[in-house]
Amino acid sequence: MALSVSAVMLMLVIVVVLIRRSGLKLAHAVVCALLGFYLASTSIAPSIQQVTSNLAGMINGLKL
């Protein structure tokens, strides 16, 4: 659960930065959010979750 909250917060920060600095329009951000909600209800959602978990595991395993 902590991974989900952390990922959501990270994506929220990225979207806010893109809106303020890179000219991302609020309508574009809303469309992306709606796409995320629709993807969550499809059969591809478990695959997306698995890829996200694997990516988080790889990042966690990096030794700097």
PDB file of N, CA and C in Angstrom:
ATOM      1  N   MET A   1       0.815  -1.197   0.000  1.00  0.00           N
ATOM      2  CA  MET A   1       0.000   0.000   0.000  1.00  0.00           C
ATOM      3  C   MET A   1       0.859   1.261   0.000  1.00  0.00           C
ATOM      4  N   ALA A   2       1.967   1.238   0.723  1.00  0.00           N
ATOM      5  CA  ALA A   2       2.840   2.411   0.763  1.00  0.00           C
ATOM      6  C   ALA A   2       3.393   2.725  -0.620  1.00  0.00           C
ATOM      7  N   LEU A   3       3.673   1.686  -1.400  1.00  0.00           N
ATOM      8  CA  LEU A   3       4.167   1.899  -2.758  1.00  0.00           C
ATOM      9  C   LEU A   3       3.123   2.624  -3.591  1.00  0.00           C
ATOM     10  N   SER A   4       1.871   2.252  -3.470  1.00  0.00           N
ATOM     11  CA  SER A   4       0.817   2.893  -4.242  1.00  0.00           C
ATOM     12  C   SER A   4       0.684   4.367  -3.888  1.00  0.00           C
ATOM     13  N   VAL A   5       0.690   4.671  -2.585  1.00  0.00           N
ATOM     14  CA  VAL A   5       0.568   6.061  -2.157  1.00  0.00           C
ATOM     15  C   VAL A   5       1.791   6.854  -2.604  1.00  0.00           C
ATOM     16  N   SER A   6       2.979   6.282  -2.462  1.00  0.00           N
ATOM     17  CA  SER A   6       4.196   6.970  -2.878  1.00  0.00           C
ATOM     18  C   SER A   6       4.188   7.219  -4.384  1.00  0.00           C
ATOM     19  N   ALA A   7       3.773   6.235  -5.151  1.00  0.00           N
ATOM     20  CA  ALA A   7       3.731   6.388  -6.606  1.00  0.00           C
ATOM     21  C   ALA A   7       2.723   7.459  -7.010  1.00  0.00           C
ATOM     22  N   VAL A   8       1.588   7.475  -6.350  1.00  0.00           N
ATOM     23  CA  VAL A   8       0.568   8.486  -6.663  1.00  0.00           C
ATOM     24  C   VAL A   8       1.079   9.880  -6.327  1.00  0.00           C
ATOM     25  N   MET A   9       1.740  10.015  -5.187  1.00  0.00           N
ATOM     26  CA  MET A   9       2.264  11.319  -4.802  1.00  0.00           C
ATOM     27  C   MET A   9       3.358  11.775  -5.771  1.00  0.00           C
ATOM     28  N   LEU A  10       4.223  10.849  -6.185  1.00  0.00           N
ATOM     29  CA  LEU A  10       5.271  11.185  -7.140  1.00  0.00           C
ATOM     30  C   LEU A  10       4.667  11.641  -8.464  1.00  0.00           C
ATOM     31  N   MET A  11       3.670  10.916  -8.946  1.00  0.00           N
ATOM     32  CA  MET A  11       3.034  11.300 -10.209  1.00  0.00           C
ATOM     33  C   MET A  11       2.314  12.637 -10.082  1.00  0.00           C
ATOM     34  N   LEU A  12       1.707  12.891  -8.924  1.00  0.00           N
ATOM     35  CA  LEU A  12       1.038  14.173  -8.703  1.00  0.00           C
ATOM     36  C   LEU A  12       2.042  15.319  -8.745  1.00  0.00           C
ATOM     37  N   VAL A  13       3.185  15.140  -8.113  1.00  0.00           N
ATOM     38  CA  VAL A  13       4.226  16.171  -8.124  1.00  0.00           C
ATOM     39  C   VAL A  13       4.718  16.402  -9.555  1.00  0.00           C
ATOM     40  N   ILE A  14       4.918  15.329 -10.302  1.00  0.00           N
ATOM     41  CA  ILE A  14       5.373  15.465 -11.693  1.00  0.00           C
ATOM     42  C   ILE A  14       4.359  16.229 -12.523  1.00  0.00           C
ATOM     43  N   VAL A  15       3.082  15.924 -12.357  1.00  0.00           N
ATOM     44  CA  VAL A  15       2.040  16.617 -13.122  1.00  0.00           C
ATOM     45  C   VAL A  15       1.994  18.096 -12.750  1.00  0.00           C
ATOM     46  N   VAL A  16       2.101  18.404 -11.466  1.00  0.00           N
ATOM     47  CA  VAL A  16       2.081  19.807 -11.042  1.00  0.00           C
ATOM     48  C   VAL A  16       3.273  20.557 -11.639  1.00  0.00           C
ATOM     49  N   VAL A  17       4.451  19.944 -11.606  1.00  0.00           N
ATOM     50  CA  VAL A  17       5.632  20.581 -12.193  1.00  0.00           C
ATOM     51  C   VAL A  17       5.445  20.777 -13.696  1.00  0.00           C
ATOM     52  N   LEU A  18       4.905  19.774 -14.372  1.00  0.00           N
ATOM     53  CA  LEU A  18       4.681  19.905 -15.817  1.00  0.00           C
ATOM     54  C   LEU A  18       3.668  20.995 -16.136  1.00  0.00           C
ATOM     55  N   ILE A  19       2.643  21.129 -15.305  1.00  0.00           N
ATOM     56  CA  ILE A  19       1.653  22.176 -15.542  1.00  0.00           C
ATOM     57  C   ILE A  19       2.285  23.551 -15.363  1.00  0.00           C
ATOM     58  N   ARG A  20       3.101  23.702 -14.321  1.00  0.00           N
ATOM     59  CA  ARG A  20       3.680  25.016 -14.024  1.00  0.00           C
ATOM     60  C   ARG A  20       4.848  25.377 -14.934  1.00  0.00           C
ATOM     61  N   ARG A  21       5.706  24.429 -15.258  1.00  0.00           N
ATOM     62  CA  ARG A  21       6.956  24.743 -15.957  1.00  0.00           C
ATOM     63  C   ARG A  21       6.925  24.435 -17.460  1.00  0.00           C
ATOM     64  N   SER A  22       6.293  23.348 -17.846  1.00  0.00           N
ATOM     65  CA  SER A  22       6.416  22.896 -19.230  1.00  0.00           C
ATOM     66  C   SER A  22       5.215  23.209 -20.103  1.00  0.00           C
ATOM     67  N   GLY A  23       4.250  23.894 -19.563  1.00  0.00           N
ATOM     68  CA  GLY A  23       3.116  24.282 -20.379  1.00  0.00           C
ATOM     69  C   GLY A  23       2.067  23.199 -20.556  1.00  0.00           C
ATOM     70  N   LEU A  24       2.082  22.179 -19.712  1.00  0.00           N
ATOM     71  CA  LEU A  24       1.035  21.169 -19.775  1.00  0.00           C
ATOM     72  C   LEU A  24      -0.267  21.810 -19.342  1.00  0.00           C
ATOM     73  N   LYS A  25      -1.264  21.705 -20.160  1.00  0.00           N
ATOM     74  CA  LYS A  25      -2.545  22.322 -19.845  1.00  0.00           C
ATOM     75  C   LYS A  25      -3.329  21.426 -18.883  1.00  0.00           C
ATOM     76  N   LEU A  26      -4.151  22.045 -18.068  1.00  0.00           N
ATOM     77  CA  LEU A  26      -4.938  21.315 -17.090  1.00  0.00           C
ATOM     78  C   LEU A  26      -5.835  20.291 -17.773  1.00  0.00           C
ATOM     79  N   ALA A  27      -6.359  20.618 -18.938  1.00  0.00           N
ATOM     80  CA  ALA A  27      -7.215  19.678 -19.671  1.00  0.00           C
ATOM     81  C   ALA A  27      -6.445  18.422 -20.052  1.00  0.00           C
ATOM     82  N   HIS A  28      -5.177  18.564 -20.417  1.00  0.00           N
ATOM     83  CA  HIS A  28      -4.356  17.407 -20.763  1.00  0.00           C
ATOM     84  C   HIS A  28      -4.141  16.522 -19.541  1.00  0.00           C
ATOM     85  N   ALA A  29      -3.896  17.149 -18.394  1.00  0.00           N
ATOM     86  CA  ALA A  29      -3.703  16.395 -17.159  1.00  0.00           C
ATOM     87  C   ALA A  29      -4.979  15.636 -16.786  1.00  0.00           C
ATOM     88  N   VAL A  30      -6.121  16.254 -16.977  1.00  0.00           N
ATOM     89  CA  VAL A  30      -7.403  15.599 -16.670  1.00  0.00           C
ATOM     90  C   VAL A  30      -7.616  14.406 -17.592  1.00  0.00           C
ATOM     91  N   VAL A  31      -7.305  14.569 -18.871  1.00  0.00           N
ATOM     92  CA  VAL A  31      -7.449  13.459 -19.818  1.00  0.00           C
ATOM     93  C   VAL A  31      -6.536  12.301 -19.424  1.00  0.00           C
ATOM     94  N   CYS A  32      -5.319  12.600 -19.019  1.00  0.00           N
ATOM     95  CA  CYS A  32      -4.392  11.553 -18.581  1.00  0.00           C
ATOM     96  C   CYS A  32      -4.913  10.848 -17.339  1.00  0.00           C
ATOM     97  N   ALA A  33      -5.491  11.599 -16.408  1.00  0.00           N
ATOM     98  CA  ALA A  33      -6.051  10.994 -15.195  1.00  0.00           C
ATOM     99  C   ALA A  33      -7.228  10.089 -15.542  1.00  0.00           C
ATOM    100  N   LEU A  34      -8.096  10.541 -16.424  1.00  0.00           N
ATOM    101  CA  LEU A  34      -9.231   9.716 -16.838  1.00  0.00           C
ATOM    102  C   LEU A  34      -8.760   8.447 -17.536  1.00  0.00           C
ATOM    103  N   LEU A  35      -7.725   8.560 -18.356  1.00  0.00           N
ATOM    104  CA  LEU A  35      -7.163   7.382 -19.002  1.00  0.00           C
ATOM    105  C   LEU A  35      -6.677   6.388 -17.958  1.00  0.00           C
ATOM    106  N   GLY A  36      -6.047   6.882 -16.910  1.00  0.00           N
ATOM    107  CA  GLY A  36      -5.589   6.009 -15.830  1.00  0.00           C
ATOM    108  C   GLY A  36      -6.742   5.280 -15.162  1.00  0.00           C
ATOM    109  N   PHE A  37      -7.836   5.981 -14.911  1.00  0.00           N
ATOM    110  CA  PHE A  37      -8.999   5.343 -14.296  1.00  0.00           C
ATOM    111  C   PHE A  37      -9.587   4.271 -15.213  1.00  0.00           C
ATOM    112  N   TYR A  38      -9.653   4.563 -16.506  1.00  0.00           N
ATOM    113  CA  TYR A  38     -10.191   3.577 -17.443  1.00  0.00           C
ATOM    114  C   TYR A  38      -9.260   2.378 -17.582  1.00  0.00           C
ATOM    115  N   LEU A  39      -7.952   2.615 -17.584  1.00  0.00           N
ATOM    116  CA  LEU A  39      -7.000   1.504 -17.653  1.00  0.00           C
ATOM    117  C   LEU A  39      -7.092   0.615 -16.424  1.00  0.00           C
ATOM    118  N   ALA A  40      -7.387   1.216 -15.279  1.00  0.00           N
ATOM    119  CA  ALA A  40      -7.481   0.449 -14.036  1.00  0.00           C
ATOM    120  C   ALA A  40      -8.640  -0.547 -14.065  1.00  0.00           C
ATOM    121  N   SER A  41      -9.622  -0.293 -14.892  1.00  0.00           N
ATOM    122  CA  SER A  41     -10.771  -1.189 -14.944  1.00  0.00           C
ATOM    123  C   SER A  41     -10.694  -2.196 -16.094  1.00  0.00           C
ATOM    124  N   THR A  42      -9.582  -2.215 -16.818  1.00  0.00           N
ATOM    125  CA  THR A  42      -9.441  -3.146 -17.924  1.00  0.00           C
ATOM    126  C   THR A  42      -8.652  -4.375 -17.495  1.00  0.00           C
ATOM    127  N   SER A  43      -8.524  -5.305 -18.402  1.00  0.00           N
ATOM    128  CA  SER A  43      -7.784  -6.533 -18.106  1.00  0.00           C
ATOM    129  C   SER A  43      -6.271  -6.321 -18.107  1.00  0.00           C
ATOM    130  N   ILE A  44      -5.813  -5.191 -18.579  1.00  0.00           N
ATOM    131  CA  ILE A  44      -4.382  -4.913 -18.603  1.00  0.00           C
ATOM    132  C   ILE A  44      -3.884  -4.352 -17.258  1.00  0.00           C
ATOM    133  N   ALA A  45      -4.785  -4.007 -16.362  1.00  0.00           N
ATOM    134  CA  ALA A  45      -4.407  -3.418 -15.068  1.00  0.00           C
ATOM    135  C   ALA A  45      -3.430  -4.288 -14.270  1.00  0.00           C
ATOM    136  N   PRO A  46      -3.629  -5.623 -14.156  1.00  0.00           N
ATOM    137  CA  PRO A  46      -2.645  -6.423 -13.424  1.00  0.00           C
ATOM    138  C   PRO A  46      -1.248  -6.387 -14.045  1.00  0.00           C
ATOM    139  N   SER A  47      -1.180  -6.330 -15.351  1.00  0.00           N
ATOM    140  CA  SER A  47       0.130  -6.243 -16.014  1.00  0.00           C
ATOM    141  C   SER A  47       0.817  -4.921 -15.701  1.00  0.00           C
ATOM    142  N   ILE A  48       0.054  -3.834 -15.714  1.00  0.00           N
ATOM    143  CA  ILE A  48       0.614  -2.527 -15.390  1.00  0.00           C
ATOM    144  C   ILE A  48       1.104  -2.519 -13.948  1.00  0.00           C
ATOM    145  N   GLN A  49       0.328  -3.098 -13.045  1.00  0.00           N
ATOM    146  CA  GLN A  49       0.723  -3.157 -11.647  1.00  0.00           C
ATOM    147  C   GLN A  49       1.991  -3.990 -11.469  1.00  0.00           C
ATOM    148  N   GLN A  50       2.101  -5.086 -12.206  1.00  0.00           N
ATOM    149  CA  GLN A  50       3.287  -5.940 -12.103  1.00  0.00           C
ATOM    150  C   GLN A  50       4.526  -5.208 -12.621  1.00  0.00           C
ATOM    151  N   VAL A  51       4.403  -4.521 -13.733  1.00  0.00           N
ATOM    152  CA  VAL A  51       5.532  -3.764 -14.283  1.00  0.00           C
ATOM    153  C   VAL A  51       5.952  -2.669 -13.309  1.00  0.00           C
ATOM    154  N   THR A  52       4.980  -1.985 -12.732  1.00  0.00           N
ATOM    155  CA  THR A  52       5.283  -0.930 -11.764  1.00  0.00           C
ATOM    156  C   THR A  52       5.990  -1.492 -10.545  1.00  0.00           C
ATOM    157  N   SER A  53       5.526  -2.623 -10.053  1.00  0.00           N
ATOM    158  CA  SER A  53       6.165  -3.257  -8.892  1.00  0.00           C
ATOM    159  C   SER A  53       7.581  -3.708  -9.219  1.00  0.00           C
ATOM    160  N   ASN A  54       7.769  -4.275 -10.399  1.00  0.00           N
ATOM    161  CA  ASN A  54       9.113  -4.709 -10.805  1.00  0.00           C
ATOM    162  C   ASN A  54      10.051  -3.506 -10.944  1.00  0.00           C
ATOM    163  N   LEU A  55       9.561  -2.427 -11.510  1.00  0.00           N
ATOM    164  CA  LEU A  55      10.371  -1.223 -11.664  1.00  0.00           C
ATOM    165  C   LEU A  55      10.736  -0.648 -10.300  1.00  0.00           C
ATOM    166  N   ALA A  56       9.789  -0.636  -9.379  1.00  0.00           N
ATOM    167  CA  ALA A  56      10.080  -0.142  -8.032  1.00  0.00           C
ATOM    168  C   ALA A  56      11.103  -1.042  -7.338  1.00  0.00           C
ATOM    169  N   GLY A  57      11.004  -2.337  -7.553  1.00  0.00           N
ATOM    170  CA  GLY A  57      11.981  -3.259  -6.988  1.00  0.00           C
ATOM    171  C   GLY A  57      13.373  -3.056  -7.550  1.00  0.00           C
ATOM    172  N   MET A  58      13.452  -2.785  -8.850  1.00  0.00           N
ATOM    173  CA  MET A  58      14.753  -2.515  -9.467  1.00  0.00           C
ATOM    174  C   MET A  58      15.355  -1.227  -8.927  1.00  0.00           C
ATOM    175  N   ILE A  59      14.532  -0.201  -8.785  1.00  0.00           N
ATOM    176  CA  ILE A  59      15.027   1.069  -8.241  1.00  0.00           C
ATOM    177  C   ILE A  59      15.470   0.889  -6.805  1.00  0.00           C
ATOM    178  N   ASN A  60      14.722   0.095  -6.048  1.00  0.00           N
ATOM    179  CA  ASN A  60      15.067  -0.157  -4.652  1.00  0.00           C
ATOM    180  C   ASN A  60      16.373  -0.925  -4.541  1.00  0.00           C
ATOM    181  N   GLY A  61      16.673  -1.770  -5.522  1.00  0.00           N
ATOM    182  CA  GLY A  61      17.880  -2.573  -5.494  1.00  0.00           C
ATOM    183  C   GLY A  61      19.143  -1.848  -5.934  1.00  0.00           C
ATOM    184  N   LEU A  62      18.995  -0.626  -6.470  1.00  0.00           N
ATOM    185  CA  LEU A  62      20.169   0.137  -6.910  1.00  0.00           C
ATOM    186  C   LEU A  62      21.003   0.553  -5.709  1.00  0.00           C
ATOM    187  N   LYS A  63      22.291   0.416  -5.846  1.00  0.00           N
ATOM    188  CA  LYS A  63      23.196   0.851  -4.786  1.00  0.00           C
ATOM    189  C   LYS A  63      23.982   2.037  -5.303  1.00  0.00           C
ATOM    190  N   LEU A  64      23.769   3.167  -4.673  1.00  0.00           N
ATOM    191  CA  LEU A  64      24.442   4.391  -5.109  1.00  0.00           C
ATOM    192  C   LEU A  64      25.633   4.701  -4.271  1.00  0.00           C
TER     193      LEU A  64
END
